[in-house]
């Protein structure tokens, strides 16, 4: 499945895209329990693309935005949206920071409370 490309033009974001590219296992702590998914990010023609895969569905990530973070810690700030249909139909908005092989931040589904998100990059 092909995902929409990120709005990430410019050389300053090239290193941030490279930092994020790969497969990430994430956990979202929600009011209905911890949900797990795999996110795969790739660089295509200088833009970031992504897809999320859960137990029952695979969905493209859209409106990806990436910014290089602080040079001192090699971080990157990443936001995106995605639609899911399970466990219920929701529009999710993510806002995370990537440092090395760790991702932390939050997601929000409409007016529902924000959920914390954490993830680690798969090795190999």
N, C-alpha and C. Protein backbone atom coordinates (compact mmCIF):
# COMPACT_ATOMS: atom_id res chain seq x y z
N UNK A 1 0.84 -1.15 0.00
CA UNK A 1 0.00 0.00 0.00
C UNK A 1 0.89 1.23 0.00
N UNK A 2 0.64 2.17 -0.87
CA UNK A 2 1.45 3.37 -0.97
C UNK A 2 0.85 4.46 -0.12
N UNK A 3 1.68 5.13 0.64
CA UNK A 3 1.22 6.19 1.52
C UNK A 3 1.50 7.55 0.91
N UNK A 4 0.71 8.55 1.28
CA UNK A 4 0.99 9.89 0.81
C UNK A 4 2.36 10.35 1.29
N UNK A 5 2.97 11.25 0.54
CA UNK A 5 4.30 11.70 0.89
C UNK A 5 4.27 12.81 1.93
N UNK A 6 5.37 12.96 2.61
CA UNK A 6 5.48 13.97 3.66
C UNK A 6 5.79 15.33 3.08
N UNK A 7 5.43 16.32 3.82
CA UNK A 7 5.84 17.68 3.50
C UNK A 7 7.14 17.91 4.25
N UNK A 8 8.24 17.58 3.60
CA UNK A 8 9.51 17.63 4.31
C UNK A 8 10.63 18.09 3.40
N UNK A 9 10.36 19.10 2.61
CA UNK A 9 11.37 19.57 1.66
C UNK A 9 12.51 20.26 2.38
N UNK A 10 13.65 20.29 1.73
CA UNK A 10 14.78 21.01 2.27
C UNK A 10 15.83 20.09 2.84
N UNK A 11 17.08 20.53 2.76
CA UNK A 11 18.19 19.72 3.25
C UNK A 11 18.18 19.54 4.75
N UNK A 12 17.64 20.51 5.50
CA UNK A 12 17.66 20.40 6.96
C UNK A 12 16.83 19.22 7.43
N UNK A 13 15.84 18.82 6.65
CA UNK A 13 15.01 17.69 7.06
C UNK A 13 15.51 16.36 6.51
N UNK A 14 16.46 16.39 5.59
CA UNK A 14 16.97 15.14 5.02
C UNK A 14 17.51 14.22 6.11
N UNK A 15 18.30 14.78 7.03
CA UNK A 15 18.85 13.95 8.10
C UNK A 15 17.76 13.46 9.04
N UNK A 16 16.71 14.26 9.24
CA UNK A 16 15.59 13.84 10.09
C UNK A 16 14.84 12.68 9.44
N UNK A 17 14.67 12.73 8.12
CA UNK A 17 14.00 11.64 7.42
C UNK A 17 14.80 10.36 7.55
N UNK A 18 16.11 10.44 7.38
CA UNK A 18 16.98 9.27 7.52
C UNK A 18 16.91 8.73 8.94
N UNK A 19 16.85 9.63 9.93
CA UNK A 19 16.75 9.22 11.33
C UNK A 19 15.48 8.41 11.60
N UNK A 20 14.40 8.76 10.94
CA UNK A 20 13.10 8.14 11.20
C UNK A 20 12.87 6.88 10.37
N UNK A 21 13.45 6.80 9.19
CA UNK A 21 13.21 5.67 8.29
C UNK A 21 13.49 4.34 9.00
N UNK A 22 12.60 3.38 8.78
CA UNK A 22 12.72 2.06 9.38
C UNK A 22 11.38 1.60 9.91
N UNK A 23 11.39 0.48 10.60
CA UNK A 23 10.16 -0.07 11.18
C UNK A 23 10.21 0.10 12.69
N UNK A 24 9.12 0.58 13.23
CA UNK A 24 8.99 0.89 14.65
C UNK A 24 7.85 0.10 15.26
N UNK A 25 8.08 -0.49 16.41
CA UNK A 25 7.01 -1.11 17.19
C UNK A 25 6.55 -0.10 18.22
N UNK A 26 5.27 0.28 18.16
CA UNK A 26 4.77 1.29 19.09
C UNK A 26 3.67 0.73 19.98
N UNK A 27 3.53 1.37 21.12
CA UNK A 27 2.45 1.06 22.07
C UNK A 27 1.74 2.37 22.38
N UNK A 28 0.42 2.35 22.30
CA UNK A 28 -0.40 3.51 22.64
C UNK A 28 -1.23 3.16 23.86
N UNK A 29 -1.04 3.90 24.94
CA UNK A 29 -1.80 3.64 26.16
C UNK A 29 -3.09 4.46 26.10
N UNK A 30 -4.21 3.76 25.86
CA UNK A 30 -5.51 4.40 25.65
C UNK A 30 -6.46 4.05 26.78
N UNK A 31 -7.60 4.73 26.86
CA UNK A 31 -8.59 4.38 27.89
C UNK A 31 -9.12 2.95 27.76
N UNK A 32 -9.01 2.35 26.58
CA UNK A 32 -9.49 0.96 26.42
C UNK A 32 -8.36 -0.06 26.51
N UNK A 33 -7.18 0.38 26.91
CA UNK A 33 -6.04 -0.52 27.05
C UNK A 33 -4.91 -0.13 26.13
N UNK A 34 -3.83 -0.88 26.19
CA UNK A 34 -2.66 -0.62 25.37
C UNK A 34 -2.85 -1.25 24.00
N UNK A 35 -2.74 -0.42 22.96
CA UNK A 35 -2.83 -0.91 21.59
C UNK A 35 -1.44 -0.90 20.99
N UNK A 36 -1.13 -1.92 20.21
CA UNK A 36 0.19 -2.05 19.61
C UNK A 36 0.08 -2.03 18.08
N UNK A 37 1.08 -1.47 17.45
CA UNK A 37 1.12 -1.41 15.99
C UNK A 37 2.57 -1.34 15.54
N UNK A 38 2.77 -1.61 14.28
CA UNK A 38 4.09 -1.45 13.65
C UNK A 38 3.97 -0.32 12.64
N UNK A 39 4.90 0.60 12.70
CA UNK A 39 4.95 1.71 11.75
C UNK A 39 6.18 1.51 10.87
N UNK A 40 6.00 1.63 9.57
CA UNK A 40 7.13 1.54 8.66
C UNK A 40 7.24 2.86 7.91
N UNK A 41 8.38 3.53 8.09
CA UNK A 41 8.66 4.79 7.43
C UNK A 41 9.75 4.57 6.40
N UNK A 42 9.62 5.20 5.23
CA UNK A 42 10.65 5.10 4.21
C UNK A 42 10.82 6.45 3.52
N UNK A 43 12.02 6.66 3.02
CA UNK A 43 12.33 7.87 2.27
C UNK A 43 12.17 7.55 0.79
N UNK A 44 11.30 8.30 0.12
CA UNK A 44 11.06 8.11 -1.31
C UNK A 44 11.20 9.47 -1.99
N UNK A 45 12.19 9.60 -2.86
CA UNK A 45 12.43 10.86 -3.57
C UNK A 45 12.51 12.05 -2.62
N UNK A 46 13.18 11.87 -1.48
CA UNK A 46 13.39 12.96 -0.54
C UNK A 46 12.21 13.28 0.35
N UNK A 47 11.18 12.47 0.31
CA UNK A 47 10.03 12.67 1.20
C UNK A 47 9.82 11.44 2.07
N UNK A 48 9.18 11.66 3.20
CA UNK A 48 8.91 10.57 4.13
C UNK A 48 7.53 10.00 3.84
N UNK A 49 7.45 8.68 3.74
CA UNK A 49 6.18 7.99 3.58
C UNK A 49 6.05 6.97 4.68
N UNK A 50 4.81 6.57 4.99
CA UNK A 50 4.65 5.60 6.06
C UNK A 50 3.36 4.82 5.99
N UNK A 51 3.37 3.71 6.70
CA UNK A 51 2.20 2.85 6.81
C UNK A 51 2.17 2.27 8.22
N UNK A 52 0.98 2.11 8.77
CA UNK A 52 0.80 1.50 10.10
C UNK A 52 0.11 0.16 9.91
N UNK A 53 0.56 -0.83 10.68
CA UNK A 53 -0.04 -2.15 10.61
C UNK A 53 -0.36 -2.62 12.02
N UNK A 54 -1.64 -2.91 12.24
CA UNK A 54 -2.10 -3.46 13.50
C UNK A 54 -2.48 -4.91 13.32
N UNK A 55 -3.20 -5.45 14.30
CA UNK A 55 -3.62 -6.86 14.21
C UNK A 55 -4.56 -7.12 13.05
N UNK A 56 -5.42 -6.14 12.75
CA UNK A 56 -6.48 -6.40 11.78
C UNK A 56 -6.47 -5.53 10.54
N UNK A 57 -5.62 -4.52 10.48
CA UNK A 57 -5.63 -3.67 9.29
C UNK A 57 -4.29 -2.99 9.07
N UNK A 58 -4.10 -2.57 7.83
CA UNK A 58 -2.91 -1.81 7.44
C UNK A 58 -3.42 -0.52 6.82
N UNK A 59 -2.92 0.63 7.31
CA UNK A 59 -3.40 1.92 6.83
C UNK A 59 -2.23 2.84 6.51
N UNK A 60 -2.41 3.67 5.49
CA UNK A 60 -1.35 4.64 5.16
C UNK A 60 -1.34 5.77 6.18
N UNK A 61 -0.16 6.32 6.40
CA UNK A 61 -0.02 7.51 7.22
C UNK A 61 -0.11 8.70 6.27
N UNK A 62 -0.77 9.75 6.72
CA UNK A 62 -0.95 10.91 5.84
C UNK A 62 -0.49 12.18 6.55
N UNK A 63 -0.28 13.20 5.76
CA UNK A 63 0.13 14.51 6.29
C UNK A 63 1.37 14.41 7.17
N UNK A 64 2.32 13.57 6.76
CA UNK A 64 3.56 13.45 7.53
C UNK A 64 4.33 14.76 7.48
N UNK A 65 4.76 15.20 8.64
CA UNK A 65 5.58 16.41 8.76
C UNK A 65 6.76 16.05 9.66
N UNK A 66 7.94 16.35 9.19
CA UNK A 66 9.14 16.03 9.97
C UNK A 66 10.02 17.26 10.03
N UNK A 67 10.58 17.50 11.20
CA UNK A 67 11.51 18.61 11.40
C UNK A 67 12.71 18.09 12.16
N UNK A 68 13.87 18.56 11.77
CA UNK A 68 15.07 18.22 12.53
C UNK A 68 14.94 18.86 13.89
N UNK A 69 15.32 18.14 14.92
CA UNK A 69 15.27 18.66 16.29
C UNK A 69 16.54 19.38 16.64
N UNK A 70 16.92 19.27 17.87
CA UNK A 70 18.13 19.91 18.35
C UNK A 70 19.35 19.15 17.88
N UNK A 71 20.33 19.87 17.34
CA UNK A 71 21.56 19.23 16.86
C UNK A 71 22.28 18.51 17.99
N UNK A 72 22.15 19.02 19.21
CA UNK A 72 22.88 18.43 20.33
C UNK A 72 22.42 17.01 20.67
N UNK A 73 21.15 16.69 20.44
CA UNK A 73 20.69 15.35 20.78
C UNK A 73 20.27 14.53 19.56
N UNK A 74 20.40 15.09 18.36
CA UNK A 74 20.08 14.34 17.14
C UNK A 74 18.63 13.91 17.05
N UNK A 75 17.74 14.69 17.60
CA UNK A 75 16.33 14.32 17.61
C UNK A 75 15.60 14.83 16.37
N UNK A 76 14.40 14.32 16.17
CA UNK A 76 13.52 14.78 15.10
C UNK A 76 12.10 14.81 15.64
N UNK A 77 11.33 15.78 15.19
CA UNK A 77 9.93 15.92 15.59
C UNK A 77 9.08 15.46 14.40
N UNK A 78 8.08 14.63 14.66
CA UNK A 78 7.28 14.02 13.60
C UNK A 78 5.81 14.08 13.96
N UNK A 79 4.98 14.49 13.00
CA UNK A 79 3.52 14.45 13.17
C UNK A 79 2.91 13.76 11.96
N UNK A 80 1.77 13.11 12.16
CA UNK A 80 1.03 12.51 11.06
C UNK A 80 -0.40 12.23 11.50
N UNK A 81 -1.23 11.91 10.52
CA UNK A 81 -2.59 11.49 10.78
C UNK A 81 -2.82 10.13 10.16
N UNK A 82 -3.82 9.43 10.69
CA UNK A 82 -4.21 8.15 10.11
C UNK A 82 -5.63 7.83 10.51
N UNK A 83 -6.29 7.06 9.68
CA UNK A 83 -7.65 6.60 9.97
C UNK A 83 -7.58 5.13 10.35
N UNK A 84 -8.37 4.74 11.34
CA UNK A 84 -8.48 3.32 11.69
C UNK A 84 -9.96 2.96 11.74
N UNK A 85 -10.24 1.68 11.59
CA UNK A 85 -11.62 1.20 11.71
C UNK A 85 -11.80 0.23 12.87
N UNK A 86 -10.67 -0.25 13.42
CA UNK A 86 -10.74 -1.18 14.55
C UNK A 86 -9.78 -0.74 15.64
N UNK A 87 -10.13 -0.76 16.89
CA UNK A 87 -11.34 -1.36 17.44
C UNK A 87 -12.61 -0.54 17.17
N UNK A 88 -12.45 0.71 16.72
CA UNK A 88 -13.59 1.51 16.29
C UNK A 88 -13.10 2.50 15.25
N UNK A 89 -14.02 3.09 14.51
CA UNK A 89 -13.64 4.06 13.47
C UNK A 89 -13.20 5.36 14.13
N UNK A 90 -11.92 5.72 13.90
CA UNK A 90 -11.35 6.93 14.50
C UNK A 90 -10.38 7.60 13.53
N UNK A 91 -10.25 8.89 13.68
CA UNK A 91 -9.21 9.66 13.01
C UNK A 91 -8.18 9.99 14.08
N UNK A 92 -6.95 9.54 13.91
CA UNK A 92 -5.90 9.74 14.90
C UNK A 92 -4.91 10.79 14.41
N UNK A 93 -4.41 11.58 15.35
CA UNK A 93 -3.35 12.55 15.08
C UNK A 93 -2.20 12.26 16.03
N UNK A 94 -1.01 12.08 15.49
CA UNK A 94 0.18 11.74 16.28
C UNK A 94 1.15 12.91 16.31
N UNK A 95 1.85 13.03 17.44
CA UNK A 95 2.88 14.05 17.62
C UNK A 95 3.97 13.40 18.47
N UNK A 96 5.11 13.08 17.84
CA UNK A 96 6.16 12.34 18.54
C UNK A 96 7.52 12.97 18.30
N UNK A 97 8.44 12.61 19.18
CA UNK A 97 9.85 12.96 19.04
C UNK A 97 10.64 11.67 18.92
N UNK A 98 11.57 11.65 17.98
CA UNK A 98 12.45 10.49 17.78
C UNK A 98 13.85 10.88 18.21
N UNK A 99 14.42 10.06 19.09
CA UNK A 99 15.82 10.22 19.51
C UNK A 99 16.47 8.85 19.39
N UNK A 100 17.37 8.72 18.43
CA UNK A 100 18.02 7.43 18.22
C UNK A 100 17.02 6.37 17.84
N UNK A 101 16.93 5.32 18.64
CA UNK A 101 16.02 4.22 18.36
C UNK A 101 14.77 4.24 19.24
N UNK A 102 14.46 5.40 19.81
CA UNK A 102 13.28 5.53 20.67
C UNK A 102 12.37 6.64 20.17
N UNK A 103 11.07 6.41 20.33
CA UNK A 103 10.05 7.36 19.93
C UNK A 103 9.14 7.58 21.14
N UNK A 104 8.84 8.84 21.45
CA UNK A 104 7.90 9.16 22.53
C UNK A 104 7.02 10.32 22.10
N UNK A 105 5.82 10.34 22.61
CA UNK A 105 4.90 11.43 22.29
C UNK A 105 3.49 11.06 22.65
N UNK A 106 2.54 11.53 21.83
CA UNK A 106 1.14 11.25 22.11
C UNK A 106 0.33 11.18 20.82
N UNK A 107 -0.85 10.60 20.96
CA UNK A 107 -1.82 10.58 19.88
C UNK A 107 -3.14 11.10 20.44
N UNK A 108 -3.96 11.56 19.53
CA UNK A 108 -5.26 12.10 19.94
C UNK A 108 -6.30 11.64 18.93
N UNK A 109 -7.46 11.25 19.42
CA UNK A 109 -8.57 10.83 18.57
C UNK A 109 -9.75 11.76 18.85
N UNK A 110 -9.87 12.80 18.04
CA UNK A 110 -10.98 13.74 18.22
C UNK A 110 -10.99 14.36 19.60
N UNK A 111 -12.15 14.28 20.26
CA UNK A 111 -12.30 14.87 21.59
C UNK A 111 -11.90 13.93 22.72
N UNK A 112 -11.48 12.73 22.38
CA UNK A 112 -11.05 11.78 23.40
C UNK A 112 -9.76 12.27 24.05
N UNK A 113 -9.49 11.81 25.27
CA UNK A 113 -8.23 12.22 25.93
C UNK A 113 -7.02 11.78 25.12
N UNK A 114 -5.97 12.54 25.22
CA UNK A 114 -4.72 12.20 24.55
C UNK A 114 -4.15 10.91 25.14
N UNK A 115 -3.54 10.11 24.29
CA UNK A 115 -2.93 8.84 24.70
C UNK A 115 -1.43 8.92 24.52
N UNK A 116 -0.68 8.39 25.48
CA UNK A 116 0.78 8.42 25.34
C UNK A 116 1.22 7.33 24.35
N UNK A 117 2.26 7.65 23.62
CA UNK A 117 2.82 6.76 22.60
C UNK A 117 4.29 6.57 22.88
N UNK A 118 4.74 5.33 22.82
CA UNK A 118 6.17 5.05 22.93
C UNK A 118 6.50 3.97 21.91
N UNK A 119 7.73 4.01 21.43
CA UNK A 119 8.11 3.03 20.44
C UNK A 119 9.60 2.82 20.38
N UNK A 120 9.97 1.70 19.79
CA UNK A 120 11.38 1.38 19.56
C UNK A 120 11.54 0.90 18.12
N UNK A 121 12.68 1.25 17.56
CA UNK A 121 12.99 0.81 16.19
C UNK A 121 13.38 -0.66 16.22
N UNK A 122 12.87 -1.41 15.25
CA UNK A 122 13.29 -2.80 15.09
C UNK A 122 14.72 -2.84 14.59
N UNK A 123 15.49 -3.77 15.12
CA UNK A 123 16.86 -3.92 14.64
C UNK A 123 16.87 -4.81 13.41
N UNK A 124 17.92 -4.67 12.63
CA UNK A 124 18.09 -5.54 11.49
C UNK A 124 17.67 -4.95 10.27
